Amino acid sequence: MANQAPNKAQERLSQVADHLNNGSSASKKGKSSLLEKHADDVVITCALRTPFTKGGKGGLKDTQAADLLHGALKALLDRSKIDPNLVQDIAVGAVLAPGGGATEFRAAALAAGFPVTTATKSLNRQCSSGLMACVDIANAIKSGMIDIGIGAGAESMSTQYGPQAVSEFSPLLENHKESANCKVPMGVLSEQMAKAKGIPRSDQDAFAASSFQKAIKAQQQGLFDEELAPLTVQWTDPKTDEEKTITVSKDDGVREGITPESLSKIRPAFSKDGSIHAGNASQISDGAAAVLLMKRSTAQRLGQPIIGKFVQASIVGVPPLLMGVGPAAAIPPVLEKTGINKDDVDIWEINEAFASQCLYCIKELGIDEKKVNPKGGAIAFGHPLGVTGARQVSTLLTELRRTGGKVGVTSMCIGTGMGMAAVWVAE
């Protein structure tokens, strides 16, 4: 591989990362203005998610993505008490659903109680799809296109994950170097990154164990309860083939007793001498999430409780073979746009696609690791691809409000070489 593109990407990372450590006086002004309230702010009045369950094994393994979305949307209507006739558009992030899930998601919205006048769309920007859905709705509100909308995500990896998710490349794409790099598996890329950036397995396992430990503690203390919407579904017992009606009320991928030592015994997944394995990578999962957005003036007029506001987002491209650096490339621009630096951020929700890439981004940006994913992340409770970006909003705002924090950032790397980030303020 030629080093030109990665070197340019590294130069860009170094340049924009400087912003995180500079401009303290400008940052004070930026943060104070960030906390101001204006009538045209785009605010969140309800954000929730279904439990995330283990792909092929968990409580939602037999539930289609559209049915997961139906559950999340119905719960959103029940909790927010919003008149569904006022919701003008619903954007749903999804990666694996055939046809983007567009037909099924429209049907799910209607079945959940929205009128035929509520529009629905699906979108796919891979691992950032849920965030992109929220940002699309926020931007539509900002522009005056709509007044009220929902950003959501839905993914059934149990029923739709597999080699069929990526079609064969034509010779036209195969013969272009960077184009062909887009189909290199993310696990392989993260393994290469871990070696290239000198991130030892011991560090990855320690980070992964911490994710599990934080998540189990949060689960035991009920810290996920506010953001969770239990689902009652049909489930087939794999041992007896008996179909049962069950209620799924918590993430079932969270496991007790995970330590760096226990993870060190798991065999590498991508190479014999590798460092990445099932225990320090995100779990294949099923789930859905939904976020209700509108202008502050609209929320006040309707008596909707405001739990936070959307501030700004960034989307960047990076070389496909450096997919994992996405957050390190996307976070500085969004902080610069909002006039703040890393010290102004109370909580970071950075998706744990792999411990290796998440660790790299944290270290590259000089972020305080104690502020990252305080309730654990995708390693501990899963990463339904199109959902995570919307899930992070509910997780972030709930924790900010519980701890008295104000400013939060959500971010993730994106397959084929991209990164996305967004700034949110809790109220």
Foldseek 3Di string as FASTA:
>chain_A
DDCVQVVVVVVLLVVLLVLQVDDPVLQVVLLVVVPDADQQFKFFQAKAKAAKEFAPDGPCNPPAQLVQLLLQLLVRCVVQVDDLAQAAEEEEEAQFDVVQCAVSNLVSNVVSPHDPRHYYGYDYQWQQQQQVQVVVQSVCQSVVVGFKHKRKYFFNCNVGPDPVSDDDDDPVQCVDVLSVLLPDDPLVLLQVLCVVVVPDLLQLLQQLLVLLVLQVVCVVVVLNQRRHRKDWDWDQDPVPRDIDTDIDTHQPLRDPDRHSVVVVPFQADPDRPTRFDLLFAFGAIGIMMMIMIGGNNVCVVVVRHTFKGWDDKFKWFGRLSPLLLACSNGVSVQCVVSSHHQVLAQAEEEARRGSSSVVVSCVSSVHDVCRYNSNHHRSRRGRRRRGVNSNVVSSVSSVCVVVVHFKYKYKYGGRSGMIMMTIMTTD
